[in-house]
Amino acid sequence: MPRTDTIRTKIIDAARRRIGRYGYCKTTMAELAADCGMSPGNLYRYFPGKLDIAAEIARNAFDETIAALRAVVRQPQSSAKQRLRDFLFTELHVTYEQLHHDEKIHDVAEIIKQERPEAANENLARSRSLLVEILSMGNASGELDVPNVVDTAEMIQCATMKFRYPQLFSQLPLDALERELDGVIELLLRGIAGKQPAQTRSQVSA
């Protein structure tokens, strides 16, 4: 790893620890510089400001989420419907745990949502591209009937927004969120399921 990347990683690790303990608003660049054993001026060489550090923390968290979601999409011998279910539940569990594990990181998520909406939109686009893959697989296998996979992926994200970093939207416990998500998925699957082949007379009477 190049020296610059190593130092940036050191700064991000220090920022996560300090923000995790004191919160975003009570963390200063001078304190972060001291934690990293460098001057504030040197710190600004790597990050123009505290918001940029927060954005990097958020980006790293979403990279972790995307890796988990990509593994779901690539899992062998799984139907498109099961992949979609696993995808949405994985997104719920990973993002819930990220905020639950580091309670003060909730501050970072809120700040990025407000101050860097383009970053949030970029993250949604990355996730949506994986949903498009799942829907395309379902169309190819006949499990799903989705005329426009891109638009449908976007609508699925709209319908499940509450279950992505759910602490930003509600105070429900995880088991309640899981129950709600299960119901939403059932509704979604009914709407996009492929047409089942008609039963023959012999199948009906069997």
N, C-alpha and C. Protein backbone atom coordinates (compact mmCIF):
# COMPACT_ATOMS: atom_id res chain seq x y z
N MET A 1 0.85 -1.20 0.00
CA MET A 1 0.00 0.00 0.00
C MET A 1 0.88 1.25 0.00
N PRO A 2 0.64 2.19 -0.92
CA PRO A 2 1.44 3.43 -0.95
C PRO A 2 1.36 4.16 0.39
N ARG A 3 2.42 4.94 0.68
CA ARG A 3 2.49 5.63 1.97
C ARG A 3 1.29 6.56 2.17
N THR A 4 0.86 7.26 1.11
CA THR A 4 -0.28 8.17 1.25
C THR A 4 -1.53 7.42 1.68
N ASP A 5 -1.77 6.24 1.06
CA ASP A 5 -2.95 5.44 1.42
C ASP A 5 -2.85 4.95 2.86
N THR A 6 -1.64 4.59 3.28
CA THR A 6 -1.44 4.12 4.65
C THR A 6 -1.78 5.22 5.65
N ILE A 7 -1.34 6.43 5.37
CA ILE A 7 -1.61 7.55 6.28
C ILE A 7 -3.10 7.89 6.28
N ARG A 8 -3.74 7.86 5.11
CA ARG A 8 -5.18 8.13 5.05
C ARG A 8 -5.95 7.09 5.86
N THR A 9 -5.54 5.84 5.75
CA THR A 9 -6.20 4.78 6.53
C THR A 9 -6.01 5.01 8.02
N LYS A 10 -4.81 5.43 8.41
CA LYS A 10 -4.54 5.73 9.82
C LYS A 10 -5.45 6.85 10.32
N ILE A 11 -5.63 7.87 9.49
CA ILE A 11 -6.50 9.00 9.86
C ILE A 11 -7.95 8.54 10.01
N ILE A 12 -8.41 7.74 9.06
CA ILE A 12 -9.79 7.26 9.10
C ILE A 12 -10.02 6.38 10.33
N ASP A 13 -9.07 5.52 10.64
CA ASP A 13 -9.20 4.66 11.83
C ASP A 13 -9.27 5.51 13.10
N ALA A 14 -8.42 6.54 13.16
CA ALA A 14 -8.44 7.43 14.33
C ALA A 14 -9.76 8.19 14.41
N ALA A 15 -10.26 8.61 13.27
CA ALA A 15 -11.53 9.35 13.24
C ALA A 15 -12.69 8.47 13.69
N ARG A 16 -12.70 7.23 13.26
CA ARG A 16 -13.77 6.31 13.69
C ARG A 16 -13.75 6.13 15.20
N ARG A 17 -12.55 6.00 15.75
CA ARG A 17 -12.45 5.82 17.21
C ARG A 17 -12.94 7.07 17.94
N ARG A 18 -12.48 8.23 17.50
CA ARG A 18 -12.84 9.46 18.20
C ARG A 18 -14.33 9.78 18.02
N ILE A 19 -14.82 9.66 16.80
CA ILE A 19 -16.24 9.93 16.57
C ILE A 19 -17.10 8.91 17.30
N GLY A 20 -16.63 7.66 17.32
CA GLY A 20 -17.36 6.62 18.05
C GLY A 20 -17.46 6.91 19.53
N ARG A 21 -16.48 7.63 20.05
CA ARG A 21 -16.49 7.95 21.49
C ARG A 21 -17.18 9.27 21.80
N TYR A 22 -16.92 10.28 20.99
CA TYR A 22 -17.41 11.63 21.31
C TYR A 22 -18.51 12.15 20.37
N GLY A 23 -18.67 11.49 19.23
CA GLY A 23 -19.63 11.99 18.25
C GLY A 23 -18.98 12.90 17.23
N TYR A 24 -19.63 13.08 16.11
CA TYR A 24 -19.08 13.88 15.01
C TYR A 24 -18.91 15.35 15.39
N CYS A 25 -19.93 15.93 16.00
CA CYS A 25 -19.91 17.37 16.27
C CYS A 25 -18.83 17.76 17.27
N LYS A 26 -18.50 16.87 18.19
CA LYS A 26 -17.50 17.18 19.21
C LYS A 26 -16.09 16.78 18.81
N THR A 27 -15.94 16.31 17.60
CA THR A 27 -14.62 15.93 17.09
C THR A 27 -14.06 17.08 16.25
N THR A 28 -12.81 17.45 16.52
CA THR A 28 -12.17 18.54 15.77
C THR A 28 -10.98 18.00 14.97
N MET A 29 -10.62 18.73 13.95
CA MET A 29 -9.46 18.35 13.15
C MET A 29 -8.18 18.39 13.97
N ALA A 30 -8.08 19.34 14.90
CA ALA A 30 -6.89 19.44 15.75
C ALA A 30 -6.74 18.19 16.61
N GLU A 31 -7.87 17.71 17.15
CA GLU A 31 -7.82 16.50 17.98
C GLU A 31 -7.44 15.28 17.15
N LEU A 32 -7.98 15.20 15.95
CA LEU A 32 -7.63 14.08 15.07
C LEU A 32 -6.15 14.11 14.71
N ALA A 33 -5.65 15.29 14.45
CA ALA A 33 -4.22 15.42 14.13
C ALA A 33 -3.37 14.93 15.30
N ALA A 34 -3.76 15.31 16.52
CA ALA A 34 -3.02 14.87 17.71
C ALA A 34 -3.09 13.36 17.86
N ASP A 35 -4.27 12.78 17.60
CA ASP A 35 -4.42 11.32 17.69
C ASP A 35 -3.50 10.60 16.71
N CYS A 36 -3.26 11.24 15.57
CA CYS A 36 -2.43 10.63 14.53
C CYS A 36 -0.96 11.01 14.64
N GLY A 37 -0.63 11.83 15.64
CA GLY A 37 0.75 12.24 15.82
C GLY A 37 1.26 13.15 14.72
N MET A 38 0.39 14.03 14.22
CA MET A 38 0.79 14.96 13.17
C MET A 38 0.21 16.33 13.47
N SER A 39 0.68 17.33 12.74
CA SER A 39 0.16 18.68 12.92
C SER A 39 -1.16 18.83 12.17
N PRO A 40 -2.02 19.77 12.60
CA PRO A 40 -3.26 20.02 11.86
C PRO A 40 -2.99 20.35 10.39
N GLY A 41 -1.92 21.12 10.14
CA GLY A 41 -1.60 21.45 8.76
C GLY A 41 -1.31 20.22 7.92
N ASN A 42 -0.63 19.26 8.51
CA ASN A 42 -0.32 18.02 7.79
C ASN A 42 -1.59 17.21 7.53
N LEU A 43 -2.50 17.21 8.50
CA LEU A 43 -3.76 16.49 8.35
C LEU A 43 -4.54 17.03 7.15
N TYR A 44 -4.52 18.36 7.00
CA TYR A 44 -5.27 18.97 5.89
C TYR A 44 -4.68 18.63 4.52
N ARG A 45 -3.46 18.12 4.49
CA ARG A 45 -2.89 17.66 3.23
C ARG A 45 -3.63 16.43 2.71
N TYR A 46 -4.18 15.66 3.62
CA TYR A 46 -4.84 14.40 3.25
C TYR A 46 -6.36 14.53 3.14
N PHE A 47 -6.94 15.40 3.94
CA PHE A 47 -8.39 15.63 3.90
C PHE A 47 -8.65 17.12 4.05
N PRO A 48 -9.38 17.74 3.12
CA PRO A 48 -9.63 19.18 3.19
C PRO A 48 -10.42 19.61 4.42
N GLY A 49 -11.20 18.70 4.99
CA GLY A 49 -12.01 19.07 6.15
C GLY A 49 -12.63 17.86 6.81
N LYS A 50 -13.31 18.10 7.91
CA LYS A 50 -13.91 17.01 8.69
C LYS A 50 -14.99 16.29 7.90
N LEU A 51 -15.74 17.04 7.10
CA LEU A 51 -16.79 16.43 6.30
C LEU A 51 -16.23 15.42 5.30
N ASP A 52 -15.04 15.70 4.78
CA ASP A 52 -14.41 14.78 3.84
C ASP A 52 -14.00 13.49 4.53
N ILE A 53 -13.59 13.60 5.79
CA ILE A 53 -13.27 12.41 6.57
C ILE A 53 -14.53 11.60 6.82
N ALA A 54 -15.61 12.29 7.16
CA ALA A 54 -16.89 11.60 7.38
C ALA A 54 -17.34 10.88 6.11
N ALA A 55 -17.16 11.53 4.97
CA ALA A 55 -17.55 10.92 3.69
C ALA A 55 -16.74 9.65 3.42
N GLU A 56 -15.47 9.68 3.79
CA GLU A 56 -14.62 8.50 3.59
C GLU A 56 -15.05 7.37 4.52
N ILE A 57 -15.42 7.69 5.75
CA ILE A 57 -15.93 6.67 6.68
C ILE A 57 -17.19 6.04 6.10
N ALA A 58 -18.09 6.87 5.60
CA ALA A 58 -19.33 6.37 5.01
C ALA A 58 -19.05 5.52 3.78
N ARG A 59 -18.10 5.94 2.96
CA ARG A 59 -17.76 5.19 1.75
C ARG A 59 -17.21 3.81 2.11
N ASN A 60 -16.37 3.76 3.12
CA ASN A 60 -15.82 2.47 3.56
C ASN A 60 -16.92 1.54 4.05
N ALA A 61 -17.87 2.11 4.80
CA ALA A 61 -18.98 1.31 5.31
C ALA A 61 -19.81 0.77 4.16
N PHE A 62 -20.03 1.60 3.15
CA PHE A 62 -20.85 1.13 2.04
C PHE A 62 -20.10 0.13 1.18
N ASP A 63 -18.79 0.25 1.08
CA ASP A 63 -18.00 -0.76 0.37
C ASP A 63 -18.20 -2.13 1.03
N GLU A 64 -18.25 -2.14 2.35
CA GLU A 64 -18.49 -3.38 3.09
C GLU A 64 -19.87 -3.94 2.75
N THR A 65 -20.86 -3.05 2.69
CA THR A 65 -22.21 -3.48 2.36
C THR A 65 -22.28 -4.04 0.95
N ILE A 66 -21.67 -3.34 0.00
CA ILE A 66 -21.69 -3.78 -1.39
C ILE A 66 -21.02 -5.14 -1.55
N ALA A 67 -19.94 -5.38 -0.83
CA ALA A 67 -19.25 -6.67 -0.91
C ALA A 67 -20.18 -7.80 -0.45
N ALA A 68 -20.92 -7.55 0.62
CA ALA A 68 -21.87 -8.55 1.12
C ALA A 68 -23.00 -8.78 0.13
N LEU A 69 -23.50 -7.70 -0.48
CA LEU A 69 -24.60 -7.82 -1.44
C LEU A 69 -24.13 -8.51 -2.72
N ARG A 70 -22.92 -8.22 -3.15
CA ARG A 70 -22.39 -8.86 -4.36
C ARG A 70 -22.26 -10.37 -4.15
N ALA A 71 -21.88 -10.77 -2.94
CA ALA A 71 -21.77 -12.20 -2.63
C ALA A 71 -23.13 -12.88 -2.75
N VAL A 72 -24.19 -12.18 -2.36
CA VAL A 72 -25.54 -12.74 -2.48
C VAL A 72 -25.90 -12.93 -3.95
N VAL A 73 -25.62 -11.93 -4.77
CA VAL A 73 -25.95 -12.00 -6.19
C VAL A 73 -25.19 -13.14 -6.87
N ARG A 74 -23.96 -13.37 -6.45
CA ARG A 74 -23.11 -14.37 -7.09
C ARG A 74 -23.31 -15.78 -6.51
N GLN A 75 -24.13 -15.94 -5.49
CA GLN A 75 -24.24 -17.26 -4.86
C GLN A 75 -24.81 -18.27 -5.87
N PRO A 76 -24.19 -19.47 -5.95
CA PRO A 76 -24.61 -20.45 -6.95
C PRO A 76 -25.90 -21.16 -6.54
N GLN A 77 -26.57 -21.73 -7.54
CA GLN A 77 -27.74 -22.58 -7.32
C GLN A 77 -28.78 -21.91 -6.42
N SER A 78 -29.08 -20.69 -6.72
CA SER A 78 -30.10 -19.96 -5.97
C SER A 78 -31.04 -19.30 -6.96
N SER A 79 -32.33 -19.37 -6.69
CA SER A 79 -33.30 -18.76 -7.59
C SER A 79 -33.24 -17.24 -7.50
N ALA A 80 -33.76 -16.58 -8.50
CA ALA A 80 -33.78 -15.11 -8.49
C ALA A 80 -34.62 -14.59 -7.33
N LYS A 81 -35.74 -15.26 -7.05
CA LYS A 81 -36.59 -14.84 -5.94
C LYS A 81 -35.84 -14.95 -4.61
N GLN A 82 -35.11 -16.06 -4.44
CA GLN A 82 -34.35 -16.23 -3.20
C GLN A 82 -33.21 -15.23 -3.12
N ARG A 83 -32.57 -14.96 -4.26
CA ARG A 83 -31.51 -13.95 -4.28
C ARG A 83 -32.05 -12.59 -3.88
N LEU A 84 -33.23 -12.23 -4.39
CA LEU A 84 -33.81 -10.93 -4.05
C LEU A 84 -34.12 -10.86 -2.56
N ARG A 85 -34.69 -11.93 -2.03
CA ARG A 85 -34.99 -11.97 -0.60
C ARG A 85 -33.70 -11.85 0.22
N ASP A 86 -32.70 -12.65 -0.13
CA ASP A 86 -31.43 -12.63 0.60
C ASP A 86 -30.75 -11.27 0.47
N PHE A 87 -30.84 -10.67 -0.70
CA PHE A 87 -30.24 -9.36 -0.95
C PHE A 87 -30.82 -8.32 0.01
N LEU A 88 -32.14 -8.24 0.09
CA LEU A 88 -32.78 -7.21 0.91
C LEU A 88 -32.58 -7.47 2.40
N PHE A 89 -32.57 -8.74 2.80
CA PHE A 89 -32.32 -9.03 4.21
C PHE A 89 -30.85 -8.78 4.57
N THR A 90 -29.94 -9.08 3.65
CA THR A 90 -28.52 -8.79 3.91
C THR A 90 -28.31 -7.30 4.05
N GLU A 91 -28.95 -6.52 3.19
CA GLU A 91 -28.82 -5.06 3.27
C GLU A 91 -29.34 -4.55 4.61
N LEU A 92 -30.46 -5.10 5.06
CA LEU A 92 -31.00 -4.71 6.37
C LEU A 92 -30.01 -5.06 7.48
N HIS A 93 -29.54 -6.31 7.51
CA HIS A 93 -28.69 -6.76 8.61
C HIS A 93 -27.35 -6.04 8.65
N VAL A 94 -26.71 -5.88 7.49
CA VAL A 94 -25.39 -5.25 7.46
C VAL A 94 -25.48 -3.79 7.87
N THR A 95 -26.43 -3.07 7.30
CA THR A 95 -26.52 -1.63 7.61
C THR A 95 -27.02 -1.39 9.04
N TYR A 96 -27.90 -2.26 9.51
CA TYR A 96 -28.36 -2.14 10.90
C TYR A 96 -27.18 -2.32 11.85
N GLU A 97 -26.38 -3.35 11.61
CA GLU A 97 -25.25 -3.64 12.50
C GLU A 97 -24.19 -2.55 12.44
N GLN A 98 -24.00 -1.94 11.27
CA GLN A 98 -23.01 -0.87 11.17
C GLN A 98 -23.36 0.28 12.11
N LEU A 99 -24.62 0.66 12.17
CA LEU A 99 -25.02 1.76 13.05
C LEU A 99 -25.17 1.30 14.49
N HIS A 100 -25.57 0.05 14.68
CA HIS A 100 -25.76 -0.47 16.04
C HIS A 100 -24.41 -0.68 16.74
N HIS A 101 -23.43 -1.13 15.97
CA HIS A 101 -22.11 -1.42 16.55
C HIS A 101 -21.40 -0.13 16.95
N ASP A 102 -21.50 0.90 16.13
CA ASP A 102 -20.89 2.20 16.42
C ASP A 102 -22.00 3.23 16.52
N GLU A 103 -22.53 3.40 17.71
CA GLU A 103 -23.71 4.25 17.88
C GLU A 103 -23.45 5.68 17.42
N LYS A 104 -22.27 6.21 17.71
CA LYS A 104 -21.97 7.60 17.34
C LYS A 104 -21.80 7.77 15.83
N ILE A 105 -21.55 6.66 15.13
CA ILE A 105 -21.41 6.74 13.68
C ILE A 105 -22.75 7.12 13.04
N HIS A 106 -23.80 6.96 13.80
CA HIS A 106 -25.12 7.43 13.36
C HIS A 106 -25.03 8.91 12.96
N ASP A 107 -24.22 9.67 13.72
CA ASP A 107 -24.01 11.10 13.41
C ASP A 107 -23.45 11.27 11.99
N VAL A 108 -22.48 10.41 11.66
CA VAL A 108 -21.84 10.49 10.35
C VAL A 108 -22.86 10.23 9.25
N ALA A 109 -23.68 9.21 9.44
CA ALA A 109 -24.69 8.88 8.44
C ALA A 109 -25.66 10.04 8.23
N GLU A 110 -26.06 10.68 9.32
CA GLU A 110 -26.98 11.82 9.22
C GLU A 110 -26.33 12.99 8.49
N ILE A 111 -25.07 13.26 8.83
CA ILE A 111 -24.36 14.38 8.21
C ILE A 111 -24.20 14.16 6.70
N ILE A 112 -23.81 12.94 6.33
CA ILE A 112 -23.62 12.64 4.91
C ILE A 112 -24.94 12.74 4.15
N LYS A 113 -26.01 12.27 4.77
CA LYS A 113 -27.32 12.34 4.12
C LYS A 113 -27.71 13.79 3.84
N GLN A 114 -27.36 14.68 4.78
CA GLN A 114 -27.74 16.09 4.64
C GLN A 114 -26.76 16.89 3.78
N GLU A 115 -25.46 16.67 4.02
CA GLU A 115 -24.44 17.52 3.41
C GLU A 115 -23.84 16.97 2.12
N ARG A 116 -23.91 15.67 1.92
CA ARG A 116 -23.33 15.06 0.72
C ARG A 116 -24.35 14.12 0.07
N PRO A 117 -25.50 14.65 -0.33
CA PRO A 117 -26.53 13.78 -0.93
C PRO A 117 -26.04 13.05 -2.17
N GLU A 118 -25.07 13.64 -2.88
CA GLU A 118 -24.56 12.99 -4.08
C GLU A 118 -23.86 11.68 -3.74
N ALA A 119 -23.23 11.63 -2.55
CA ALA A 119 -22.57 10.39 -2.12
C ALA A 119 -23.61 9.31 -1.85
N ALA A 120 -24.71 9.70 -1.18
CA ALA A 120 -25.78 8.75 -0.91
C ALA A 120 -26.39 8.24 -2.22
N ASN A 121 -26.56 9.14 -3.18
CA ASN A 121 -27.13 8.74 -4.48
C ASN A 121 -26.21 7.79 -5.23
N GLU A 122 -24.91 8.04 -5.12
CA GLU A 122 -23.93 7.15 -5.76
C GLU A 122 -24.00 5.75 -5.15
N ASN A 123 -24.14 5.70 -3.83
CA ASN A 123 -24.23 4.41 -3.15
C ASN A 123 -25.49 3.66 -3.57
N LEU A 124 -26.60 4.38 -3.69
CA LEU A 124 -27.84 3.76 -4.14
C LEU A 124 -27.69 3.21 -5.56
N ALA A 125 -26.99 3.93 -6.40
CA ALA A 125 -26.79 3.48 -7.78
C ALA A 125 -25.98 2.19 -7.83
N ARG A 126 -24.97 2.08 -6.98
CA ARG A 126 -24.16 0.86 -6.94
C ARG A 126 -25.01 -0.33 -6.49
N SER A 127 -25.81 -0.12 -5.48
CA SER A 127 -26.70 -1.18 -5.00
C SER A 127 -27.75 -1.53 -6.06
N ARG A 128 -28.26 -0.52 -6.73
CA ARG A 128 -29.30 -0.75 -7.74
C ARG A 128 -28.79 -1.59 -8.91
N SER A 129 -27.54 -1.41 -9.27
CA SER A 129 -26.98 -2.20 -10.38
C SER A 129 -26.99 -3.69 -10.05
N LEU A 130 -26.82 -4.03 -8.78
CA LEU A 130 -26.89 -5.44 -8.37
C LEU A 130 -28.32 -5.95 -8.40
N LEU A 131 -29.26 -5.10 -8.01
CA LEU A 131 -30.67 -5.48 -8.12
C LEU A 131 -31.05 -5.74 -9.57
N VAL A 132 -30.54 -4.92 -10.47
CA VAL A 132 -30.80 -5.12 -11.90
C VAL A 132 -30.32 -6.50 -12.35
N GLU A 133 -29.16 -6.92 -11.85
CA GLU A 133 -28.65 -8.26 -12.18
C GLU A 133 -29.62 -9.34 -11.74
N ILE A 134 -30.14 -9.22 -10.52
CA ILE A 134 -31.07 -10.22 -10.00
C ILE A 134 -32.34 -10.27 -10.84
N LEU A 135 -32.89 -9.11 -11.15
CA LEU A 135 -34.12 -9.07 -11.94
C LEU A 135 -33.89 -9.63 -13.34
N SER A 136 -32.74 -9.35 -13.91
CA SER A 136 -32.42 -9.88 -15.25
C SER A 136 -32.30 -11.40 -15.21
N MET A 137 -31.71 -11.93 -14.15
CA MET A 137 -31.63 -13.38 -13.99
C MET A 137 -33.04 -13.98 -13.92
N GLY A 138 -33.91 -13.32 -13.16
CA GLY A 138 -35.28 -13.81 -13.03
C GLY A 138 -36.03 -13.79 -14.34
N ASN A 139 -35.83 -12.75 -15.13
CA ASN A 139 -36.45 -12.70 -16.46
C ASN A 139 -35.95 -13.85 -17.34
N ALA A 140 -34.64 -14.09 -17.29
CA ALA A 140 -34.04 -15.13 -18.13
C ALA A 140 -34.55 -16.52 -17.77
N SER A 141 -34.78 -16.75 -16.47
CA SER A 141 -35.23 -18.07 -16.02
C SER A 141 -36.75 -18.24 -16.10
N GLY A 142 -37.47 -17.13 -16.30
CA GLY A 142 -38.92 -17.19 -16.33
C GLY A 142 -39.57 -17.04 -14.97
N GLU A 143 -38.74 -16.92 -13.93
CA GLU A 143 -39.29 -16.73 -12.57
C GLU A 143 -40.00 -15.39 -12.44
N LEU A 144 -39.43 -14.38 -13.10
CA LEU A 144 -39.94 -13.02 -12.98
C LEU A 144 -40.40 -12.51 -14.34
N ASP A 145 -41.27 -11.53 -14.29
CA ASP A 145 -41.73 -10.87 -15.51
C ASP A 145 -41.59 -9.36 -15.29
N VAL A 146 -40.41 -8.85 -15.62
CA VAL A 146 -40.09 -7.44 -15.35
C VAL A 146 -39.73 -6.76 -16.67
N PRO A 147 -40.65 -6.02 -17.26
CA PRO A 147 -40.38 -5.37 -18.55
C PRO A 147 -39.21 -4.39 -18.51
N ASN A 148 -39.08 -3.63 -17.44
CA ASN A 148 -38.00 -2.64 -17.33
C ASN A 148 -37.26 -2.88 -16.02
N VAL A 149 -36.13 -3.58 -16.10
CA VAL A 149 -35.44 -3.98 -14.87
C VAL A 149 -34.82 -2.79 -14.14
N VAL A 150 -34.41 -1.76 -14.87
CA VAL A 150 -33.79 -0.59 -14.23
C VAL A 150 -34.82 0.18 -13.42
N ASP A 151 -35.96 0.47 -14.03
CA ASP A 151 -37.01 1.19 -13.31
C ASP A 151 -37.53 0.38 -12.13
N THR A 152 -37.68 -0.92 -12.33
CA THR A 152 -38.20 -1.77 -11.25
C THR A 152 -37.21 -1.84 -10.09
N ALA A 153 -35.92 -1.91 -10.39
CA ALA A 153 -34.90 -1.91 -9.33
C ALA A 153 -34.99 -0.62 -8.52
N GLU A 154 -35.20 0.49 -9.20
CA GLU A 154 -35.33 1.77 -8.51
C GLU A 154 -36.57 1.78 -7.60
N MET A 155 -37.69 1.22 -8.09
CA MET A 155 -38.90 1.19 -7.29
C MET A 155 -38.76 0.25 -6.09
N ILE A 156 -38.03 -0.84 -6.26
CA ILE A 156 -37.76 -1.74 -5.13
C ILE A 156 -36.97 -0.99 -4.06
N GLN A 157 -36.00 -0.20 -4.48
CA GLN A 157 -35.25 0.60 -3.51
C GLN A 157 -36.16 1.59 -2.79
N CYS A 158 -37.07 2.21 -3.53
CA CYS A 158 -38.00 3.15 -2.90
C CYS A 158 -38.85 2.44 -1.85
N ALA A 159 -39.32 1.24 -2.20
CA ALA A 159 -40.21 0.50 -1.30
C ALA A 159 -39.49 -0.02 -0.07
N THR A 160 -38.17 -0.18 -0.16
CA THR A 160 -37.41 -0.77 0.95
C THR A 160 -36.43 0.22 1.59
N MET A 161 -36.59 1.50 1.31
CA MET A 161 -35.67 2.51 1.84
C MET A 161 -35.57 2.46 3.36
N LYS A 162 -36.69 2.19 4.01
CA LYS A 162 -36.74 2.16 5.47
C LYS A 162 -35.80 1.10 6.05
N PHE A 163 -35.48 0.07 5.27
CA PHE A 163 -34.70 -1.05 5.77
C PHE A 163 -33.22 -0.94 5.44
N ARG A 164 -32.81 0.22 4.95
CA ARG A 164 -31.40 0.50 4.65
C ARG A 164 -30.93 1.54 5.66
N TYR A 165 -30.02 1.19 6.55
CA TYR A 165 -29.66 2.04 7.70
C TYR A 165 -30.95 2.42 8.44
N PRO A 166 -31.68 1.43 8.92
CA PRO A 166 -33.04 1.66 9.44
C PRO A 166 -33.10 2.59 10.65
N GLN A 167 -32.03 2.69 11.43
CA GLN A 167 -32.05 3.58 12.59
C GLN A 167 -32.20 5.05 12.19
N LEU A 168 -31.95 5.36 10.92
CA LEU A 168 -32.15 6.73 10.45
C LEU A 168 -33.63 7.04 10.26
N PHE A 169 -34.46 6.00 10.22
CA PHE A 169 -35.88 6.18 9.91
C PHE A 169 -36.81 5.80 11.05
N SER A 170 -36.38 4.91 11.93
CA SER A 170 -37.28 4.47 13.01
C SER A 170 -36.46 3.92 14.16
N GLN A 171 -37.14 3.66 15.26
CA GLN A 171 -36.51 3.09 16.45
C GLN A 171 -36.94 1.64 16.67
N LEU A 172 -37.47 1.01 15.65
CA LEU A 172 -37.95 -0.37 15.78
C LEU A 172 -36.78 -1.33 16.01
N PRO A 173 -36.99 -2.37 16.82
CA PRO A 173 -35.95 -3.38 17.00
C PRO A 173 -35.80 -4.21 15.73
N LEU A 174 -34.69 -4.94 15.65
CA LEU A 174 -34.39 -5.68 14.43
C LEU A 174 -35.46 -6.70 14.09
N ASP A 175 -35.99 -7.41 15.09
CA ASP A 175 -36.98 -8.44 14.77
C ASP A 175 -38.25 -7.85 14.17
N ALA A 176 -38.63 -6.66 14.61
CA ALA A 176 -39.81 -6.00 14.03
C ALA A 176 -39.52 -5.56 12.60
N LEU A 177 -38.32 -5.08 12.35
CA LEU A 177 -37.93 -4.68 10.99
C LEU A 177 -37.92 -5.90 10.06
N GLU A 178 -37.42 -7.02 10.57
CA GLU A 178 -37.40 -8.24 9.77
C GLU A 178 -38.81 -8.68 9.38
N ARG A 179 -39.74 -8.59 10.33
CA ARG A 179 -41.12 -8.98 10.05
C ARG A 179 -41.72 -8.07 8.98
N GLU A 180 -41.48 -6.77 9.10
CA GLU A 180 -42.00 -5.82 8.11
C GLU A 180 -41.38 -6.06 6.74
N LEU A 181 -40.07 -6.27 6.71
CA LEU A 181 -39.40 -6.48 5.43
C LEU A 181 -39.91 -7.75 4.75
N ASP A 182 -40.14 -8.79 5.53
CA ASP A 182 -40.67 -10.03 4.97
C ASP A 182 -42.00 -9.78 4.27
N GLY A 183 -42.86 -8.98 4.90
CA GLY A 183 -44.15 -8.66 4.29
C GLY A 183 -44.01 -7.84 3.02
N VAL A 184 -43.09 -6.88 3.03
CA VAL A 184 -42.86 -6.05 1.84
C VAL A 184 -42.34 -6.91 0.69
N ILE A 185 -41.42 -7.83 0.99
CA ILE A 185 -40.86 -8.69 -0.05
C ILE A 185 -41.95 -9.56 -0.67
N GLU A 186 -42.85 -10.09 0.16
CA GLU A 186 -43.94 -10.90 -0.37
C GLU A 186 -44.78 -10.11 -1.36
N LEU A 187 -45.09 -8.87 -1.02
CA LEU A 187 -45.86 -8.02 -1.93
C LEU A 187 -45.09 -7.76 -3.23
N LEU A 188 -43.79 -7.47 -3.11
CA LEU A 188 -42.98 -7.21 -4.29
C LEU A 188 -42.93 -8.43 -5.21
N LEU A 189 -42.73 -9.60 -4.63
CA LEU A 189 -42.62 -10.81 -5.44
C LEU A 189 -43.92 -11.13 -6.15
N ARG A 190 -45.04 -10.86 -5.50
CA ARG A 190 -46.32 -11.09 -6.17
C ARG A 190 -46.46 -10.18 -7.39
N GLY A 191 -45.92 -8.99 -7.28
CA GLY A 191 -46.05 -8.03 -8.37
C GLY A 191 -45.16 -8.32 -9.56
N ILE A 192 -44.01 -8.97 -9.32
CA ILE A 192 -43.05 -9.17 -10.42
C ILE A 192 -42.89 -10.63 -10.81
N ALA A 193 -43.67 -11.53 -10.20
CA ALA A 193 -43.54 -12.95 -10.51
C ALA A 193 -43.93 -13.23 -11.96
N GLY A 194 -43.22 -14.17 -12.57
CA GLY A 194 -43.56 -14.57 -13.93
C GLY A 194 -44.86 -15.34 -13.96
N LYS A 195 -45.45 -15.42 -15.12
CA LYS A 195 -46.71 -16.17 -15.26
C LYS A 195 -46.43 -17.65 -15.15
N GLN A 196 -47.18 -18.32 -14.27
CA GLN A 196 -47.03 -19.76 -14.11
C GLN A 196 -47.69 -20.47 -15.29
N PRO A 197 -47.09 -21.55 -15.78
CA PRO A 197 -47.71 -22.28 -16.89
C PRO A 197 -49.06 -22.85 -16.46
N ALA A 198 -50.03 -22.81 -17.36
CA ALA A 198 -51.36 -23.33 -17.03
C ALA A 198 -51.29 -24.82 -16.77
N GLN A 199 -52.07 -25.29 -15.78
CA GLN A 199 -52.11 -26.70 -15.46
C GLN A 199 -52.91 -27.46 -16.51
N THR A 200 -52.47 -28.67 -16.82
CA THR A 200 -53.23 -29.53 -17.73
C THR A 200 -54.38 -30.16 -16.96
N ARG A 201 -55.32 -30.76 -17.72
CA ARG A 201 -56.47 -31.39 -17.08
C ARG A 201 -56.02 -32.51 -16.14
N SER A 202 -55.00 -33.27 -16.57
CA SER A 202 -54.53 -34.39 -15.74
C SER A 202 -53.90 -33.89 -14.46
N GLN A 203 -53.18 -32.71 -14.51
CA GLN A 203 -52.56 -32.16 -13.31
C GLN A 203 -53.62 -31.68 -12.33
N VAL A 204 -54.72 -31.11 -12.86
CA VAL A 204 -55.77 -30.60 -11.99
C VAL A 204 -56.48 -31.73 -11.28
N SER A 205 -56.73 -32.84 -12.01
CA SER A 205 -57.47 -33.95 -11.42
C SER A 205 -56.61 -34.86 -10.58
N ALA A 206 -55.25 -34.69 -10.65
CA ALA A 206 -54.36 -35.59 -9.91
C ALA A 206 -54.47 -35.38 -8.42
